[in-house]
PDB file of N, CA and C in Angstrom:
ATOM      1  N   MET A   1      78.154 -29.518  34.550  1.00  0.00           N
ATOM      2  CA  MET A   1      76.851 -28.977  34.640  1.00  0.00           C
ATOM      3  C   MET A   1      77.107 -27.642  35.247  1.00  0.00           C
ATOM      4  N   ILE A   2      76.306 -26.650  34.616  1.00  0.00           N
ATOM      5  CA  ILE A   2      76.504 -25.223  35.055  1.00  0.00           C
ATOM      6  C   ILE A   2      75.774 -24.985  36.308  1.00  0.00           C
ATOM      7  N   ILE A   3      76.368 -24.397  37.547  1.00  0.00           N
ATOM      8  CA  ILE A   3      75.586 -24.081  38.665  1.00  0.00           C
ATOM      9  C   ILE A   3      75.284 -22.697  38.754  1.00  0.00           C
ATOM     10  N   PRO A   4      74.112 -22.154  38.891  1.00  0.00           N
ATOM     11  CA  PRO A   4      73.659 -20.811  39.064  1.00  0.00           C
ATOM     12  C   PRO A   4      74.196 -20.177  40.238  1.00  0.00           C
ATOM     13  N   TRP A   5      75.067 -19.314  40.008  1.00  0.00           N
ATOM     14  CA  TRP A   5      75.822 -18.698  41.261  1.00  0.00           C
ATOM     15  C   TRP A   5      74.720 -17.937  42.242  1.00  0.00           C
ATOM     16  N   GLN A   6      73.836 -17.541  41.679  1.00  0.00           N
ATOM     17  CA  GLN A   6      72.792 -16.865  42.340  1.00  0.00           C
ATOM     18  C   GLN A   6      72.059 -17.910  43.421  1.00  0.00           C
ATOM     19  N   GLN A   7      72.006 -19.078  43.117  1.00  0.00           N
ATOM     20  CA  GLN A   7      71.352 -19.883  44.049  1.00  0.00           C
ATOM     21  C   GLN A   7      72.244 -20.475  45.166  1.00  0.00           C
ATOM     22  N   ILE A   8      73.511 -19.957  45.264  1.00  0.00           N
ATOM     23  CA  ILE A   8      74.375 -20.492  46.295  1.00  0.00           C
ATOM     24  C   ILE A   8      74.484 -19.480  47.517  1.00  0.00           C
ATOM     25  N   GLU A   9      74.392 -20.220  48.600  1.00  0.00           N
ATOM     26  CA  GLU A   9      74.567 -19.039  50.022  1.00  0.00           C
ATOM     27  C   GLU A   9      75.642 -18.289  49.765  1.00  0.00           C
ATOM     28  N   PRO A  10      75.561 -17.074  50.165  1.00  0.00           N
ATOM     29  CA  PRO A  10      76.672 -16.047  50.041  1.00  0.00           C
ATOM     30  C   PRO A  10      78.082 -16.585  50.653  1.00  0.00           C
ATOM     31  N   ASP A  11      78.015 -17.162  51.927  1.00  0.00           N
ATOM     32  CA  ASP A  11      79.217 -17.708  52.553  1.00  0.00           C
ATOM     33  C   ASP A  11      79.740 -18.700  51.750  1.00  0.00           C
ATOM     34  N   THR A  12      79.130 -19.760  51.115  1.00  0.00           N
ATOM     35  CA  THR A  12      79.586 -20.793  50.348  1.00  0.00           C
ATOM     36  C   THR A  12      80.111 -20.280  49.108  1.00  0.00           C
ATOM     37  N   LEU A  13      79.439 -19.347  48.529  1.00  0.00           N
ATOM     38  CA  LEU A  13      79.952 -18.786  47.244  1.00  0.00           C
ATOM     39  C   LEU A  13      81.311 -18.011  47.538  1.00  0.00           C
ATOM     40  N   ARG A  14      81.438 -17.372  48.631  1.00  0.00           N
ATOM     41  CA  ARG A  14      82.770 -16.696  48.805  1.00  0.00           C
ATOM     42  C   ARG A  14      83.879 -17.752  48.970  1.00  0.00           C
ATOM     43  N   ASN A  15      83.478 -18.861  49.860  1.00  0.00           N
ATOM     44  CA  ASN A  15      84.466 -19.946  49.954  1.00  0.00           C
ATOM     45  C   ASN A  15      84.861 -20.632  48.642  1.00  0.00           C
ATOM     46  N   LEU A  16      83.959 -20.754  47.736  1.00  0.00           N
ATOM     47  CA  LEU A  16      84.351 -21.431  46.519  1.00  0.00           C
ATOM     48  C   LEU A  16      85.275 -20.151  45.789  1.00  0.00           C
ATOM     49  N   ILE A  17      84.852 -19.069  45.666  1.00  0.00           N
ATOM     50  CA  ILE A  17      85.721 -17.992  45.047  1.00  0.00           C
ATOM     51  C   ILE A  17      87.143 -18.051  45.672  1.00  0.00           C
ATOM     52  N   GLU A  18      87.109 -17.913  46.983  1.00  0.00           N
ATOM     53  CA  GLU A  18      88.418 -17.850  47.740  1.00  0.00           C
ATOM     54  C   GLU A  18      89.306 -19.059  47.364  1.00  0.00           C
ATOM     55  N   SER A  19      88.722 -20.362  47.469  1.00  0.00           N
ATOM     56  CA  SER A  19      89.500 -21.394  46.955  1.00  0.00           C
ATOM     57  C   SER A  19      90.150 -21.417  45.715  1.00  0.00           C
ATOM     58  N   PHE A  20      89.075 -20.935  44.621  1.00  0.00           N
ATOM     59  CA  PHE A  20      89.664 -20.742  43.370  1.00  0.00           C
ATOM     60  C   PHE A  20      90.890 -19.859  43.184  1.00  0.00           C
ATOM     61  N   VAL A  21      90.606 -18.676  43.702  1.00  0.00           N
ATOM     62  CA  VAL A  21      91.584 -17.542  43.690  1.00  0.00           C
ATOM     63  C   VAL A  21      92.937 -18.096  44.202  1.00  0.00           C
ATOM     64  N   LEU A  22      92.808 -18.830  45.446  1.00  0.00           N
ATOM     65  CA  LEU A  22      94.040 -19.314  46.169  1.00  0.00           C
ATOM     66  C   LEU A  22      94.846 -20.467  45.304  1.00  0.00           C
ATOM     67  N   ARG A  23      94.069 -21.231  44.603  1.00  0.00           N
ATOM     68  CA  ARG A  23      94.859 -22.326  43.892  1.00  0.00           C
ATOM     69  C   ARG A  23      95.421 -21.859  42.453  1.00  0.00           C
ATOM     70  N   GLU A  24      94.588 -20.641  42.027  1.00  0.00           N
ATOM     71  CA  GLU A  24      95.169 -20.199  40.506  1.00  0.00           C
ATOM     72  C   GLU A  24      96.388 -19.676  40.504  1.00  0.00           C
ATOM     73  N   GLY A  25      96.826 -18.745  41.681  1.00  0.00           N
ATOM     74  CA  GLY A  25      98.307 -18.205  41.474  1.00  0.00           C
ATOM     75  C   GLY A  25      98.358 -17.254  40.360  1.00  0.00           C
ATOM     76  N   THR A  26      97.298 -16.585  39.938  1.00  0.00           N
ATOM     77  CA  THR A  26      97.276 -15.685  38.855  1.00  0.00           C
ATOM     78  C   THR A  26      98.256 -14.403  38.863  1.00  0.00           C
ATOM     79  N   ASP A  27      99.164 -14.123  38.078  1.00  0.00           N
ATOM     80  CA  ASP A  27      99.887 -12.837  37.961  1.00  0.00           C
ATOM     81  C   ASP A  27      99.204 -11.655  37.668  1.00  0.00           C
ATOM     82  N   TYR A  28      99.170 -10.790  38.698  1.00  0.00           N
ATOM     83  CA  TYR A  28      98.507  -9.549  38.336  1.00  0.00           C
ATOM     84  C   TYR A  28      99.306  -8.152  38.044  1.00  0.00           C
ATOM     85  N   GLY A  29     100.543  -8.481  37.550  1.00  0.00           N
ATOM     86  CA  GLY A  29     101.317  -7.565  37.026  1.00  0.00           C
ATOM     87  C   GLY A  29     102.130  -6.933  37.999  1.00  0.00           C
ATOM     88  N   GLU A  30     102.630  -5.628  38.300  1.00  0.00           N
ATOM     89  CA  GLU A  30     103.587  -5.073  39.059  1.00  0.00           C
ATOM     90  C   GLU A  30     103.028  -4.936  40.550  1.00  0.00           C
ATOM     91  N   SER A  31     101.843  -4.703  40.583  1.00  0.00           N
ATOM     92  CA  SER A  31     101.350  -4.770  41.981  1.00  0.00           C
ATOM     93  C   SER A  31     100.357  -5.646  42.313  1.00  0.00           C
ATOM     94  N   GLU A  32     100.839  -6.635  43.443  1.00  0.00           N
ATOM     95  CA  GLU A  32      99.882  -7.741  43.622  1.00  0.00           C
ATOM     96  C   GLU A  32      98.536  -7.248  44.297  1.00  0.00           C
ATOM     97  N   LYS A  33      97.563  -7.866  44.047  1.00  0.00           N
ATOM     98  CA  LYS A  33      96.186  -7.466  44.663  1.00  0.00           C
ATOM     99  C   LYS A  33      96.012  -8.418  45.967  1.00  0.00           C
ATOM    100  N   THR A  34      95.126  -7.973  46.875  1.00  0.00           N
ATOM    101  CA  THR A  34      94.817  -8.618  48.074  1.00  0.00           C
ATOM    102  C   THR A  34      93.755  -9.811  47.894  1.00  0.00           C
ATOM    103  N   LEU A  35      93.693 -10.596  48.598  1.00  0.00           N
ATOM    104  CA  LEU A  35      92.809 -11.570  48.379  1.00  0.00           C
ATOM    105  C   LEU A  35      91.287 -11.226  48.338  1.00  0.00           C
ATOM    106  N   GLU A  36      91.065 -10.085  49.039  1.00  0.00           N
ATOM    107  CA  GLU A  36      89.638  -9.534  49.006  1.00  0.00           C
ATOM    108  C   GLU A  36      89.496  -9.016  47.619  1.00  0.00           C
ATOM    109  N   GLN A  37      90.377  -8.170  47.016  1.00  0.00           N
ATOM    110  CA  GLN A  37      90.508  -7.642  45.651  1.00  0.00           C
ATOM    111  C   GLN A  37      90.211  -8.797  44.774  1.00  0.00           C
ATOM    112  N   LYS A  38      90.977  -9.937  44.820  1.00  0.00           N
ATOM    113  CA  LYS A  38      90.709 -10.853  43.819  1.00  0.00           C
ATOM    114  C   LYS A  38      89.461 -11.628  43.950  1.00  0.00           C
ATOM    115  N   VAL A  39      88.899 -11.697  45.105  1.00  0.00           N
ATOM    116  CA  VAL A  39      87.659 -12.210  45.460  1.00  0.00           C
ATOM    117  C   VAL A  39      86.540 -11.509  44.706  1.00  0.00           C
ATOM    118  N   GLN A  40      86.649 -10.143  44.826  1.00  0.00           N
ATOM    119  CA  GLN A  40      85.735  -9.343  44.382  1.00  0.00           C
ATOM    120  C   GLN A  40      85.675  -9.209  42.872  1.00  0.00           C
ATOM    121  N   ASP A  41      86.876  -9.279  42.343  1.00  0.00           N
ATOM    122  CA  ASP A  41      86.997  -9.400  40.801  1.00  0.00           C
ATOM    123  C   ASP A  41      86.305 -10.465  40.399  1.00  0.00           C
ATOM    124  N   VAL A  42      86.427 -11.767  40.859  1.00  0.00           N
ATOM    125  CA  VAL A  42      85.759 -12.839  40.390  1.00  0.00           C
ATOM    126  C   VAL A  42      84.354 -12.739  40.529  1.00  0.00           C
ATOM    127  N   LYS A  43      83.854 -12.121  41.684  1.00  0.00           N
ATOM    128  CA  LYS A  43      82.499 -12.059  41.871  1.00  0.00           C
ATOM    129  C   LYS A  43      81.878 -11.151  40.641  1.00  0.00           C
ATOM    130  N   ARG A  44      82.516 -10.044  40.549  1.00  0.00           N
ATOM    131  CA  ARG A  44      82.243  -9.212  39.334  1.00  0.00           C
ATOM    132  C   ARG A  44      81.974  -9.910  37.986  1.00  0.00           C
ATOM    133  N   GLN A  45      82.903 -10.749  37.663  1.00  0.00           N
ATOM    134  CA  GLN A  45      82.984 -11.761  36.663  1.00  0.00           C
ATOM    135  C   GLN A  45      81.621 -12.572  36.523  1.00  0.00           C
ATOM    136  N   LEU A  46      81.334 -13.140  37.579  1.00  0.00           N
ATOM    137  CA  LEU A  46      80.193 -13.978  37.704  1.00  0.00           C
ATOM    138  C   LEU A  46      78.846 -13.154  37.561  1.00  0.00           C
ATOM    139  N   GLU A  47      78.742 -12.015  38.199  1.00  0.00           N
ATOM    140  CA  GLU A  47      77.719 -10.984  37.972  1.00  0.00           C
ATOM    141  C   GLU A  47      77.591 -10.588  36.373  1.00  0.00           C
ATOM    142  N   ARG A  48      78.662 -10.407  35.810  1.00  0.00           N
ATOM    143  CA  ARG A  48      78.776  -9.909  34.295  1.00  0.00           C
ATOM    144  C   ARG A  48      78.625 -11.229  33.480  1.00  0.00           C
ATOM    145  N   ASN A  49      78.584 -12.484  34.093  1.00  0.00           N
ATOM    146  CA  ASN A  49      78.450 -13.768  33.183  1.00  0.00           C
ATOM    147  C   ASN A  49      79.547 -13.834  32.300  1.00  0.00           C
ATOM    148  N   GLU A  50      80.685 -13.497  32.872  1.00  0.00           N
ATOM    149  CA  GLU A  50      81.961 -13.561  32.036  1.00  0.00           C
ATOM    150  C   GLU A  50      82.483 -14.970  32.373  1.00  0.00           C
ATOM    151  N   VAL A  51      82.275 -15.484  33.657  1.00  0.00           N
ATOM    152  CA  VAL A  51      82.761 -16.807  34.058  1.00  0.00           C
ATOM    153  C   VAL A  51      81.529 -17.416  34.701  1.00  0.00           C
ATOM    154  N   ILE A  52      81.626 -18.677  34.927  1.00  0.00           N
ATOM    155  CA  ILE A  52      80.628 -19.641  35.257  1.00  0.00           C
ATOM    156  C   ILE A  52      81.018 -20.601  36.476  1.00  0.00           C
ATOM    157  N   LEU A  53      80.065 -21.296  37.279  1.00  0.00           N
ATOM    158  CA  LEU A  53      80.531 -22.229  38.145  1.00  0.00           C
ATOM    159  C   LEU A  53      80.035 -23.479  37.498  1.00  0.00           C
ATOM    160  N   VAL A  54      80.958 -24.384  37.426  1.00  0.00           N
ATOM    161  CA  VAL A  54      80.755 -25.566  36.752  1.00  0.00           C
ATOM    162  C   VAL A  54      81.083 -26.909  37.685  1.00  0.00           C
ATOM    163  N   TRP A  55      80.060 -27.621  37.977  1.00  0.00           N
ATOM    164  CA  TRP A  55      80.298 -29.022  38.555  1.00  0.00           C
ATOM    165  C   TRP A  55      80.576 -30.063  37.825  1.00  0.00           C
ATOM    166  N   SER A  56      81.714 -30.659  38.111  1.00  0.00           N
ATOM    167  CA  SER A  56      82.487 -31.926  37.509  1.00  0.00           C
ATOM    168  C   SER A  56      82.063 -33.041  38.227  1.00  0.00           C
ATOM    169  N   GLU A  57      81.132 -33.772  37.642  1.00  0.00           N
ATOM    170  CA  GLU A  57      80.738 -35.255  37.808  1.00  0.00           C
ATOM    171  C   GLU A  57      81.848 -36.120  38.036  1.00  0.00           C
ATOM    172  N   LEU A  58      82.811 -35.993  37.127  1.00  0.00           N
ATOM    173  CA  LEU A  58      83.933 -36.953  37.003  1.00  0.00           C
ATOM    174  C   LEU A  58      84.862 -36.723  38.315  1.00  0.00           C
ATOM    175  N   HIS A  59      85.041 -35.522  38.505  1.00  0.00           N
ATOM    176  CA  HIS A  59      86.090 -35.158  39.600  1.00  0.00           C
ATOM    177  C   HIS A  59      85.273 -34.803  40.986  1.00  0.00           C
ATOM    178  N   GLU A  60      84.006 -34.551  41.014  1.00  0.00           N
ATOM    179  CA  GLU A  60      83.019 -34.374  42.053  1.00  0.00           C
ATOM    180  C   GLU A  60      83.717 -32.917  42.534  1.00  0.00           C
ATOM    181  N   THR A  61      83.864 -32.048  41.728  1.00  0.00           N
ATOM    182  CA  THR A  61      84.430 -30.644  42.180  1.00  0.00           C
ATOM    183  C   THR A  61      83.560 -29.588  41.427  1.00  0.00           C
ATOM    184  N   VAL A  62      83.776 -28.331  42.124  1.00  0.00           N
ATOM    185  CA  VAL A  62      83.242 -27.265  41.475  1.00  0.00           C
ATOM    186  C   VAL A  62      84.404 -26.494  41.046  1.00  0.00           C
ATOM    187  N   ASN A  63      84.285 -25.857  39.744  1.00  0.00           N
ATOM    188  CA  ASN A  63      85.312 -25.053  39.404  1.00  0.00           C
ATOM    189  C   ASN A  63      84.584 -23.787  38.651  1.00  0.00           C
ATOM    190  N   ILE A  64      85.435 -22.733  38.597  1.00  0.00           N
ATOM    191  CA  ILE A  64      85.119 -21.489  37.921  1.00  0.00           C
ATOM    192  C   ILE A  64      85.904 -21.294  36.691  1.00  0.00           C
ATOM    193  N   MET A  65      85.110 -21.003  35.574  1.00  0.00           N
ATOM    194  CA  MET A  65      85.931 -21.065  34.460  1.00  0.00           C
ATOM    195  C   MET A  65      85.170 -20.006  33.540  1.00  0.00           C
ATOM    196  N   PRO A  66      85.945 -19.464  32.436  1.00  0.00           N
ATOM    197  CA  PRO A  66      85.481 -18.509  31.531  1.00  0.00           C
ATOM    198  C   PRO A  66      84.282 -19.142  30.797  1.00  0.00           C
ATOM    199  N   LYS A  67      83.097 -18.516  30.574  1.00  0.00           N
ATOM    200  CA  LYS A  67      81.831 -18.852  29.863  1.00  0.00           C
ATOM    201  C   LYS A  67      82.283 -19.617  28.662  1.00  0.00           C
ATOM    202  N   GLU A  68      83.029 -18.933  27.972  1.00  0.00           N
ATOM    203  CA  GLU A  68      83.217 -19.418  26.314  1.00  0.00           C
ATOM    204  C   GLU A  68      84.193 -20.708  26.413  1.00  0.00           C
ATOM    205  N   GLN A  69      84.822 -21.042  27.408  1.00  0.00           N
ATOM    206  CA  GLN A  69      85.552 -22.411  27.480  1.00  0.00           C
ATOM    207  C   GLN A  69      84.535 -23.525  27.900  1.00  0.00           C
ATOM    208  N   PHE A  70      83.454 -23.370  28.397  1.00  0.00           N
ATOM    209  CA  PHE A  70      82.460 -24.280  28.655  1.00  0.00           C
ATOM    210  C   PHE A  70      82.166 -25.315  27.598  1.00  0.00           C
ATOM    211  N   ARG A  71      82.294 -26.639  27.654  1.00  0.00           N
ATOM    212  CA  ARG A  71      81.706 -27.386  26.857  1.00  0.00           C
ATOM    213  C   ARG A  71      80.836 -28.479  27.490  1.00  0.00           C
ATOM    214  N   PRO A  72      79.570 -28.511  27.164  1.00  0.00           N
ATOM    215  CA  PRO A  72      78.510 -29.332  27.866  1.00  0.00           C
ATOM    216  C   PRO A  72      78.881 -30.830  27.638  1.00  0.00           C
TER     217      PRO A  72
END
């Protein structure tokens, strides 16, 4: 189920994004980005509708994923 990010309290949204960024361990090339930069990158992707928040009933977790990868 898709969760509209606009309906989530700002502090909760930030915590979800931070948790996602910290567990992803993404390579950012030659220069590593700060946690704040990574959080802002994901927030911009949410705002541009490139990624979505998805609730997994099976795992009872929220994840962030590219919109085109979501299969209802």
